[in-house]
């Protein structure tokens, strides 16, 4: 297929899909499809509320157009699905967004088209779950009339250094010829280069273990933090000393949320159970990391008690609600676990976050963020949960009646004497 023949449709314009559509839209005729009409209207006005792409970036994609109407994507020859893959309340994979996106594509599928998935899934989802949907609705035959590929997303929300084009891309295809075509497609926009996997299942597996590995590593240092706290040893000092060895991995303790690391291990665990294996380390890491929010809250309450502070009915402040620093993404933020645990002690919990959208937070978590910090002396205690740049230079009162500070992220100088995780 020649460059001028390609018409790309990116399905799902969130943190992953929009940067991808923008880069392709600089070269190829590209359609960005999303079911959120407000999102589409904002993008047409060159505004991205995720802050992943600025106005200049959107305007630079001269061949990109946006729509929420699937009838406008029938001309596409390559469909790229970049929708979320969440878990349900029982931590089981929820493939509903992938299924609905696949159904949308299937209604517009034509002979010769390629469907590429970027959503993080367990091995086999593309060929064993999605392909039958594509075949049934379109009436076309897989690897005869249409083809598939898988190229896992590697977007790091809020990271302005490791952006889409600067991260090496894994690619794959349902036939050797399609694998080569998919690889060449991504190579046209990824300056860091590509890696062509031997099969779609290999590419799916590679993605899901990336986040599982990171989850386990963070769980290890979180467990260390709990141990060293009991031993009255500063965890940050231990990690600094151990880090002098060349092959010591520089992970830090903290909350593990977001739409990837806190979710993807469950996808691999589910597939393992389906084939008769109960994953031990993967699920142990998830359990430990999910325990950190209540742990932080409990340690904070202990500090208040040790300082002879009142608990019930007292005002405390939590700094940050997004899942990571300098990013507006609140999906699966584990800061909410801190808030809920503090509320169980009947404390008045106030939350401030200069990055998060107030309406989105209220809709998702039932919390109304405070508008600004007028002074911090009125709080019994403060938990610095997210390391936003705007929070680094806060003037926190000191002295006998000053708020007790628990510094989860270690963002304040050690000489302040604040308790760290």
Protein backbone atom coordinates (compact mmCIF):
# COMPACT_ATOMS: atom_id res chain seq x y z
CA UNK A 1 0.00 0.00 0.00
CA UNK A 2 1.45 3.32 -1.02
CA UNK A 3 1.63 6.21 1.43
CA UNK A 4 -1.05 8.15 -0.39
CA UNK A 5 -3.41 5.15 -0.23
CA UNK A 6 -3.27 4.85 3.55
CA UNK A 7 -6.14 6.29 5.54
CA UNK A 8 -5.65 5.64 9.24
CA UNK A 9 -8.39 5.65 11.84
CA UNK A 10 -7.35 5.81 15.51
CA UNK A 11 -10.18 4.58 17.73
CA UNK A 12 -10.01 6.11 21.20
CA UNK A 13 -8.40 9.52 21.73
CA UNK A 14 -7.16 9.38 25.30
CA UNK A 15 -3.62 9.52 26.65
CA UNK A 16 -2.52 6.88 24.13
CA UNK A 17 -4.66 7.48 21.07
CA UNK A 18 -4.36 11.23 20.70
CA UNK A 19 -0.53 11.47 20.53
CA UNK A 20 -0.58 8.58 18.05
CA UNK A 21 -3.23 10.20 15.86
CA UNK A 22 -1.31 13.49 15.91
CA UNK A 23 1.93 11.90 14.74
CA UNK A 24 0.25 9.91 11.98
CA UNK A 25 -1.77 13.01 11.05
CA UNK A 26 1.44 14.80 10.14
CA UNK A 27 2.11 12.25 7.37
CA UNK A 28 -1.02 10.29 6.48
CA UNK A 29 -4.69 11.09 6.09
CA UNK A 30 -5.87 10.26 9.61
CA UNK A 31 -9.24 10.13 11.37
CA UNK A 32 -9.46 10.36 15.16
CA UNK A 33 -12.61 8.65 16.46
CA UNK A 34 -13.91 8.92 20.01
CA UNK A 35 -17.40 8.37 21.43
CA UNK A 36 -17.02 11.37 23.77
CA UNK A 37 -18.59 14.26 21.86
CA UNK A 38 -17.21 16.86 24.28
CA UNK A 39 -13.73 15.45 23.79
CA UNK A 40 -14.07 15.73 20.01
CA UNK A 41 -15.36 19.30 20.21
CA UNK A 42 -12.42 20.31 22.40
CA UNK A 43 -9.89 18.69 20.08
CA UNK A 44 -11.41 20.50 17.11
CA UNK A 45 -10.67 23.71 19.03
CA UNK A 46 -7.08 22.52 19.53
CA UNK A 47 -7.49 21.83 23.26
CA UNK A 48 -6.35 18.59 24.88
CA UNK A 49 -7.49 18.30 28.49
CA UNK A 50 -5.01 15.45 29.13
CA UNK A 51 -2.21 17.95 28.40
CA UNK A 52 -0.34 15.34 26.37
CA UNK A 53 -0.48 17.45 23.19
CA UNK A 54 -0.39 21.24 23.12
CA UNK A 55 -2.16 23.55 20.68
CA UNK A 56 0.83 23.79 18.37
CA UNK A 57 1.09 20.00 18.25
CA UNK A 58 -2.56 19.61 17.31
CA UNK A 59 -2.30 22.28 14.63
CA UNK A 60 0.80 20.60 13.19
CA UNK A 61 -1.22 17.48 12.37
CA UNK A 62 -2.62 18.99 9.17
CA UNK A 63 -3.96 15.68 7.83
CA UNK A 64 -5.84 14.76 11.01
CA UNK A 65 -9.57 15.25 11.52
CA UNK A 66 -11.74 14.32 14.50
CA UNK A 67 -15.18 12.76 14.73
CA UNK A 68 -17.52 10.96 17.13
CA UNK A 69 -19.58 9.53 14.26
CA UNK A 70 -18.44 6.07 13.16
CA UNK A 71 -20.10 6.60 9.77
CA UNK A 72 -17.25 8.96 8.93
CA UNK A 73 -14.54 6.29 9.25
CA UNK A 74 -15.68 3.82 6.60
CA UNK A 75 -13.01 5.06 4.18
CA UNK A 76 -10.16 4.06 6.54
CA UNK A 77 -7.85 1.26 5.45
CA UNK A 78 -5.96 0.86 8.74
CA UNK A 79 -7.77 0.89 12.09
CA UNK A 80 -5.79 1.30 15.31
CA UNK A 81 -7.64 0.57 18.55
CA UNK A 82 -6.31 2.40 21.62
CA UNK A 83 -9.15 2.11 24.13
CA UNK A 84 -8.71 1.45 27.89
CA UNK A 85 -8.54 -2.06 29.35
CA UNK A 86 -9.74 -1.74 32.96
CA UNK A 87 -10.60 -4.35 35.59
CA UNK A 88 -13.94 -4.79 37.34
CA UNK A 89 -14.64 -4.55 41.08
CA UNK A 90 -13.22 -8.05 41.53
CA UNK A 91 -10.02 -7.21 39.60
CA UNK A 92 -11.07 -9.34 36.64
CA UNK A 93 -10.19 -8.01 33.17
CA UNK A 94 -13.00 -5.97 31.62
CA UNK A 95 -12.76 -6.18 27.83
CA UNK A 96 -15.95 -4.19 27.25
CA UNK A 97 -14.18 -1.13 25.74
CA UNK A 98 -12.12 -3.38 23.45
CA UNK A 99 -15.21 -5.32 22.41
CA UNK A 100 -17.23 -2.20 21.61
CA UNK A 101 -14.35 -0.64 19.66
CA UNK A 102 -13.90 -3.90 17.76
CA UNK A 103 -17.60 -3.95 16.89
CA UNK A 104 -17.36 -0.38 15.60
CA UNK A 105 -14.40 -1.28 13.39
CA UNK A 106 -16.08 -4.47 12.19
CA UNK A 107 -19.08 -2.50 10.90
CA UNK A 108 -16.68 -0.50 8.72
CA UNK A 109 -14.25 -3.25 7.73
CA UNK A 110 -13.46 -3.84 4.05
CA UNK A 111 -11.40 -6.28 2.07
CA UNK A 112 -7.69 -5.57 2.47
CA UNK A 113 -8.02 -3.57 5.72
CA UNK A 114 -5.70 -3.98 8.72
CA UNK A 115 -6.84 -3.76 12.34
CA UNK A 116 -4.08 -2.99 14.85
CA UNK A 117 -4.56 -3.18 18.62
CA UNK A 118 -2.54 -1.11 21.08
CA UNK A 119 -4.63 -1.68 24.21
CA UNK A 120 -2.86 -3.73 26.88
CA UNK A 121 -4.33 -7.24 27.00
CA UNK A 122 -3.35 -10.77 27.99
CA UNK A 123 -1.88 -13.08 25.33
CA UNK A 124 -4.49 -14.27 22.85
CA UNK A 125 -7.04 -11.46 23.10
CA UNK A 126 -6.38 -10.12 19.59
CA UNK A 127 -6.67 -13.42 17.71
CA UNK A 128 -8.91 -15.48 20.03
CA UNK A 129 -11.33 -12.78 21.26
CA UNK A 130 -11.29 -9.85 18.81
CA UNK A 131 -10.88 -11.63 15.47
CA UNK A 132 -14.10 -13.70 15.85
CA UNK A 133 -16.01 -10.46 16.51
CA UNK A 134 -14.48 -8.86 13.43
CA UNK A 135 -15.34 -11.89 11.28
CA UNK A 136 -18.91 -12.27 12.55
CA UNK A 137 -19.97 -8.65 12.07
CA UNK A 138 -18.05 -7.88 8.86
CA UNK A 139 -18.67 -11.22 7.16
CA UNK A 140 -15.00 -11.20 6.11
CA UNK A 141 -12.38 -13.91 6.62
CA UNK A 142 -9.33 -13.33 8.84
CA UNK A 143 -5.94 -13.42 7.06
CA UNK A 144 -7.76 -13.72 3.75
CA UNK A 145 -9.97 -10.64 3.51
CA UNK A 146 -8.59 -8.62 6.43
CA UNK A 147 -5.55 -8.74 8.70
CA UNK A 148 -4.52 -7.81 12.24
CA UNK A 149 -1.55 -6.44 14.09
CA UNK A 150 -0.59 -5.67 17.65
CA UNK A 151 1.72 -2.87 18.75
CA UNK A 152 1.54 -2.25 22.51
CA UNK A 153 1.32 1.33 23.70
CA UNK A 154 4.22 2.67 25.75
CA UNK A 155 2.94 6.13 26.61
CA UNK A 156 4.02 7.51 29.97
CA UNK A 157 1.39 10.15 30.93
CA UNK A 158 2.88 13.46 31.99
CA UNK A 159 6.38 12.55 30.79
CA UNK A 160 7.56 15.28 28.41
CA UNK A 161 10.90 13.55 27.75
CA UNK A 162 9.90 9.96 26.93
CA UNK A 163 7.25 10.91 24.39
CA UNK A 164 5.68 8.65 21.76
CA UNK A 165 8.27 9.07 19.02
CA UNK A 166 11.19 8.68 21.46
CA UNK A 167 10.17 5.26 22.80
CA UNK A 168 11.06 2.16 20.81
CA UNK A 169 7.92 0.46 19.51
CA UNK A 170 7.19 -3.26 19.48
CA UNK A 171 5.18 -4.34 16.41
CA UNK A 172 3.65 -7.53 15.06
CA UNK A 173 1.28 -8.79 12.39
CA UNK A 174 -0.95 -11.77 11.64
CA UNK A 175 1.17 -12.79 8.63
CA UNK A 176 4.83 -12.13 7.84
CA UNK A 177 3.84 -9.65 5.13
CA UNK A 178 1.44 -7.78 7.41
CA UNK A 179 4.01 -7.78 10.21
CA UNK A 180 6.41 -6.03 7.87
CA UNK A 181 3.76 -3.53 6.78
CA UNK A 182 2.76 -2.75 10.38
CA UNK A 183 6.41 -2.35 11.33
CA UNK A 184 7.04 0.04 8.44
CA UNK A 185 3.94 2.03 9.36
CA UNK A 186 5.18 2.71 12.89
CA UNK A 187 8.76 3.19 11.73
CA UNK A 188 7.53 6.20 9.76
CA UNK A 189 6.79 8.11 13.00
CA UNK A 190 8.91 6.45 15.73
CA UNK A 191 12.38 8.00 15.68
CA UNK A 192 13.59 5.64 18.42
CA UNK A 193 13.07 2.67 16.11
CA UNK A 194 10.90 -0.43 16.15
CA UNK A 195 11.19 -4.08 17.17
CA UNK A 196 9.26 -6.61 15.12
CA UNK A 197 8.05 -9.44 17.35
CA UNK A 198 7.69 -12.93 15.94
CA UNK A 199 3.95 -13.09 16.58
CA UNK A 200 1.00 -11.14 17.93
CA UNK A 201 0.93 -13.25 21.11
CA UNK A 202 4.60 -12.49 21.77
CA UNK A 203 3.92 -8.75 21.41
CA UNK A 204 0.88 -8.99 23.71
CA UNK A 205 2.95 -10.88 26.29
CA UNK A 206 5.85 -8.45 26.12
CA UNK A 207 3.60 -5.54 26.97
CA UNK A 208 1.79 -7.13 29.87
CA UNK A 209 5.01 -8.24 31.60
CA UNK A 210 6.58 -4.76 31.36
CA UNK A 211 4.14 -3.36 33.91
CA UNK A 212 3.97 -6.56 35.96
CA UNK A 213 7.74 -6.43 36.40
CA UNK A 214 7.63 -2.82 37.55
CA UNK A 215 4.75 -3.57 39.90
CA UNK A 216 6.71 -6.37 41.57
CA UNK A 217 9.84 -4.24 41.93
CA UNK A 218 7.88 -1.44 43.61
CA UNK A 219 6.14 -3.98 45.86
CA UNK A 220 9.55 -5.15 47.03
CA UNK A 221 10.68 -1.69 48.11
CA UNK A 222 7.27 -1.01 49.66
CA UNK A 223 7.75 -4.11 51.77
CA UNK A 224 11.22 -2.89 52.68
CA UNK A 225 9.73 0.43 53.76
CA UNK A 226 7.36 -1.37 56.13
CA UNK A 227 10.20 -3.45 57.59
CA UNK A 228 12.60 -0.54 58.04
CA UNK A 229 9.84 1.54 59.63
CA UNK A 230 9.54 -1.13 62.35
CA UNK A 231 13.32 -1.14 62.71
CA UNK A 232 13.43 2.69 62.97
CA UNK A 233 15.72 2.88 59.92
CA UNK A 234 15.34 5.52 57.20
CA UNK A 235 14.36 3.63 54.02
CA UNK A 236 15.59 6.41 51.72
CA UNK A 237 19.04 6.23 53.31
CA UNK A 238 19.14 2.45 52.88
CA UNK A 239 18.19 2.72 49.21
CA UNK A 240 20.75 5.47 48.67
CA UNK A 241 23.49 3.29 50.14
CA UNK A 242 22.43 0.19 48.21
CA UNK A 243 22.19 2.26 45.04
CA UNK A 244 25.95 2.72 44.97
CA UNK A 245 26.19 -0.77 43.46
CA UNK A 246 26.05 -0.59 39.66
CA UNK A 247 23.26 -3.15 39.20
CA UNK A 248 20.96 -2.17 42.07
CA UNK A 249 17.59 -1.14 40.63
CA UNK A 250 16.59 2.41 41.67
CA UNK A 251 12.96 1.82 42.68
CA UNK A 252 11.34 3.88 45.43
CA UNK A 253 8.43 3.07 47.75
CA UNK A 254 5.07 4.67 47.10
CA UNK A 255 1.51 4.34 45.86
CA UNK A 256 1.00 2.31 42.69
CA UNK A 257 -2.01 3.48 40.70
CA UNK A 258 -2.82 4.62 37.22
CA UNK A 259 -4.30 2.73 34.32
CA UNK A 260 -1.30 0.51 33.63
CA UNK A 261 0.92 -0.73 36.47
CA UNK A 262 -1.95 -1.06 38.92
CA UNK A 263 -4.13 -2.93 36.42
CA UNK A 264 -2.12 -4.87 33.83
CA UNK A 265 -0.75 -7.56 36.19
CA UNK A 266 -4.33 -8.75 36.73
CA UNK A 267 -4.61 -9.40 32.98
CA UNK A 268 -1.59 -11.70 33.00
CA UNK A 269 -2.80 -13.37 36.21
CA UNK A 270 -6.21 -14.05 34.64
CA UNK A 271 -4.68 -15.76 31.62
CA UNK A 272 -2.39 -17.80 33.87
CA UNK A 273 -5.40 -19.06 35.84
CA UNK A 274 -7.20 -19.99 32.62
CA UNK A 275 -4.38 -22.38 31.72
CA UNK A 276 -4.22 -23.89 35.21
CA UNK A 277 -1.44 -21.91 36.90
CA UNK A 278 -1.97 -19.79 39.99
CA UNK A 279 0.50 -16.88 39.85
CA UNK A 280 2.13 -16.33 43.23
CA UNK A 281 4.56 -13.42 42.86
CA UNK A 282 2.38 -11.33 40.54
CA UNK A 283 -0.66 -11.37 42.84
CA UNK A 284 1.46 -11.00 45.98
CA UNK A 285 2.94 -7.83 44.52
CA UNK A 286 -0.53 -6.51 43.71
CA UNK A 287 -1.79 -7.22 47.23
CA UNK A 288 1.15 -5.47 48.83
CA UNK A 289 0.95 -2.40 46.62
CA UNK A 290 -2.80 -2.14 47.12
CA UNK A 291 -2.20 -2.10 50.88
CA UNK A 292 -0.04 1.02 50.81
CA UNK A 293 -2.82 3.64 50.93
CA UNK A 294 -4.36 2.33 54.17
CA UNK A 295 -0.86 1.79 55.54
CA UNK A 296 0.09 5.44 54.95
CA UNK A 297 -3.13 6.63 56.57
CA UNK A 298 -2.63 4.40 59.60
CA UNK A 299 0.97 5.53 60.09
CA UNK A 300 -0.19 9.14 59.80
CA UNK A 301 -2.86 8.64 62.48
CA UNK A 302 -0.25 7.05 64.75
CA UNK A 303 1.90 10.16 64.34
CA UNK A 304 -1.03 12.35 65.38
CA UNK A 305 -1.67 10.18 68.43
CA UNK A 306 1.99 10.21 69.43
CA UNK A 307 1.91 14.02 69.24
CA UNK A 308 -1.22 14.01 71.43
CA UNK A 309 -3.34 15.47 68.64
CA UNK A 310 -7.06 14.96 68.40
CA UNK A 311 -8.36 12.64 65.67
CA UNK A 312 -12.13 12.65 65.40
CA UNK A 313 -13.57 15.71 63.69
CA UNK A 314 -10.18 17.26 62.99
CA UNK A 315 -9.11 18.81 59.68
CA UNK A 316 -6.32 17.14 57.72
CA UNK A 317 -4.98 17.96 54.26
CA UNK A 318 -4.00 15.57 51.48
CA UNK A 319 -1.79 17.10 48.78
CA UNK A 320 -2.48 15.52 45.39
CA UNK A 321 -5.13 13.16 44.02
CA UNK A 322 -3.75 12.25 40.56
CA UNK A 323 -1.98 8.92 40.21
CA UNK A 324 1.40 10.56 39.52
CA UNK A 325 3.14 13.92 39.59
CA UNK A 326 2.67 16.68 37.01
CA UNK A 327 -0.18 14.85 35.28
CA UNK A 328 -3.98 15.36 35.40
CA UNK A 329 -4.76 11.63 35.17
CA UNK A 330 -6.85 10.47 38.15
CA UNK A 331 -7.63 6.98 36.86
CA UNK A 332 -7.10 4.31 39.51
CA UNK A 333 -5.33 6.77 41.81
CA UNK A 334 -4.52 5.03 45.10
CA UNK A 335 -4.52 8.35 46.95
CA UNK A 336 -8.22 7.70 47.37
CA UNK A 337 -7.33 4.79 49.66
CA UNK A 338 -5.60 7.25 52.00
CA UNK A 339 -8.62 9.54 51.94
CA UNK A 340 -11.11 6.75 52.66
CA UNK A 341 -9.01 5.36 55.51
CA UNK A 342 -8.71 8.78 57.15
CA UNK A 343 -12.46 9.26 56.76
CA UNK A 344 -12.99 5.99 58.63
CA UNK A 345 -11.43 7.72 61.65
CA UNK A 346 -14.10 10.43 61.23
CA UNK A 347 -11.56 13.04 60.25
CA UNK A 348 -12.41 15.96 57.95
CA UNK A 349 -10.25 15.28 54.90
CA UNK A 350 -9.49 18.16 52.52
CA UNK A 351 -7.78 17.45 49.21
CA UNK A 352 -5.84 19.91 47.06
CA UNK A 353 -4.46 19.21 43.61
CA UNK A 354 -3.46 21.94 41.12
CA UNK A 355 -3.47 19.48 38.21
CA UNK A 356 -6.70 17.54 38.62
CA UNK A 357 -10.04 18.55 37.11
CA UNK A 358 -12.40 19.30 40.02
CA UNK A 359 -15.54 18.06 38.27
CA UNK A 360 -13.85 14.86 37.16
CA UNK A 361 -12.61 14.15 40.70
CA UNK A 362 -16.04 14.79 42.14
CA UNK A 363 -17.67 12.50 39.58
CA UNK A 364 -15.12 9.72 40.03
CA UNK A 365 -14.50 9.82 43.78
CA UNK A 366 -17.20 12.02 45.30
CA UNK A 367 -14.60 14.51 46.54
CA UNK A 368 -14.72 18.25 45.95
CA UNK A 369 -11.18 19.59 45.73
CA UNK A 370 -10.43 22.80 47.59
CA UNK A 371 -9.73 25.70 45.25
CA UNK A 372 -6.55 27.01 46.84
CA UNK A 373 -4.34 26.86 49.89
CA UNK A 374 -4.98 29.94 52.02
CA UNK A 375 -2.74 28.76 54.84
CA UNK A 376 -1.76 25.47 56.34
CA UNK A 377 -1.75 26.23 60.04
CA UNK A 378 -5.38 25.18 60.48
CA UNK A 379 -4.69 21.50 59.77
CA UNK A 380 -3.74 18.92 62.37
CA UNK A 381 -1.71 17.11 59.74
CA UNK A 382 -0.71 17.06 56.08
CA UNK A 383 -0.02 14.11 53.80
CA UNK A 384 2.06 14.93 50.71
CA UNK A 385 0.76 12.13 48.47
CA UNK A 386 1.77 13.35 44.98
CA UNK A 387 4.96 15.18 44.06
CA UNK A 388 3.61 17.93 41.78
CA UNK A 389 6.15 20.67 41.11
CA UNK A 390 3.71 23.27 42.47
CA UNK A 391 3.83 21.57 45.87
CA UNK A 392 7.59 21.55 46.30
CA UNK A 393 7.91 25.09 47.65
CA UNK A 394 4.90 25.20 49.97
CA UNK A 395 5.40 27.24 53.12
CA UNK A 396 4.43 24.67 55.72
CA UNK A 397 4.31 26.12 59.26
CA UNK A 398 6.84 24.88 61.80
CA UNK A 399 6.85 24.88 65.56
CA UNK A 400 5.11 23.11 68.41
CA UNK A 401 1.56 23.37 67.04
CA UNK A 402 2.47 23.05 63.37
CA UNK A 403 0.78 20.36 61.27
CA UNK A 404 2.24 16.86 61.40
CA UNK A 405 3.61 16.12 57.91
CA UNK A 406 3.82 12.68 56.29
CA UNK A 407 5.87 12.93 53.10
CA UNK A 408 4.89 9.93 50.97
CA UNK A 409 6.97 10.94 47.95
CA UNK A 410 9.98 12.34 49.77
CA UNK A 411 9.56 15.70 48.04
CA UNK A 412 10.65 17.87 50.95
CA UNK A 413 14.21 18.23 52.31
CA UNK A 414 15.15 15.69 54.97
CA UNK A 415 16.22 18.45 57.36
CA UNK A 416 12.55 19.44 57.68
CA UNK A 417 12.12 16.42 59.91
CA UNK A 418 8.98 15.20 58.16
CA UNK A 419 8.13 11.50 58.34
CA UNK A 420 8.78 9.68 55.07
CA UNK A 421 7.39 6.43 53.72
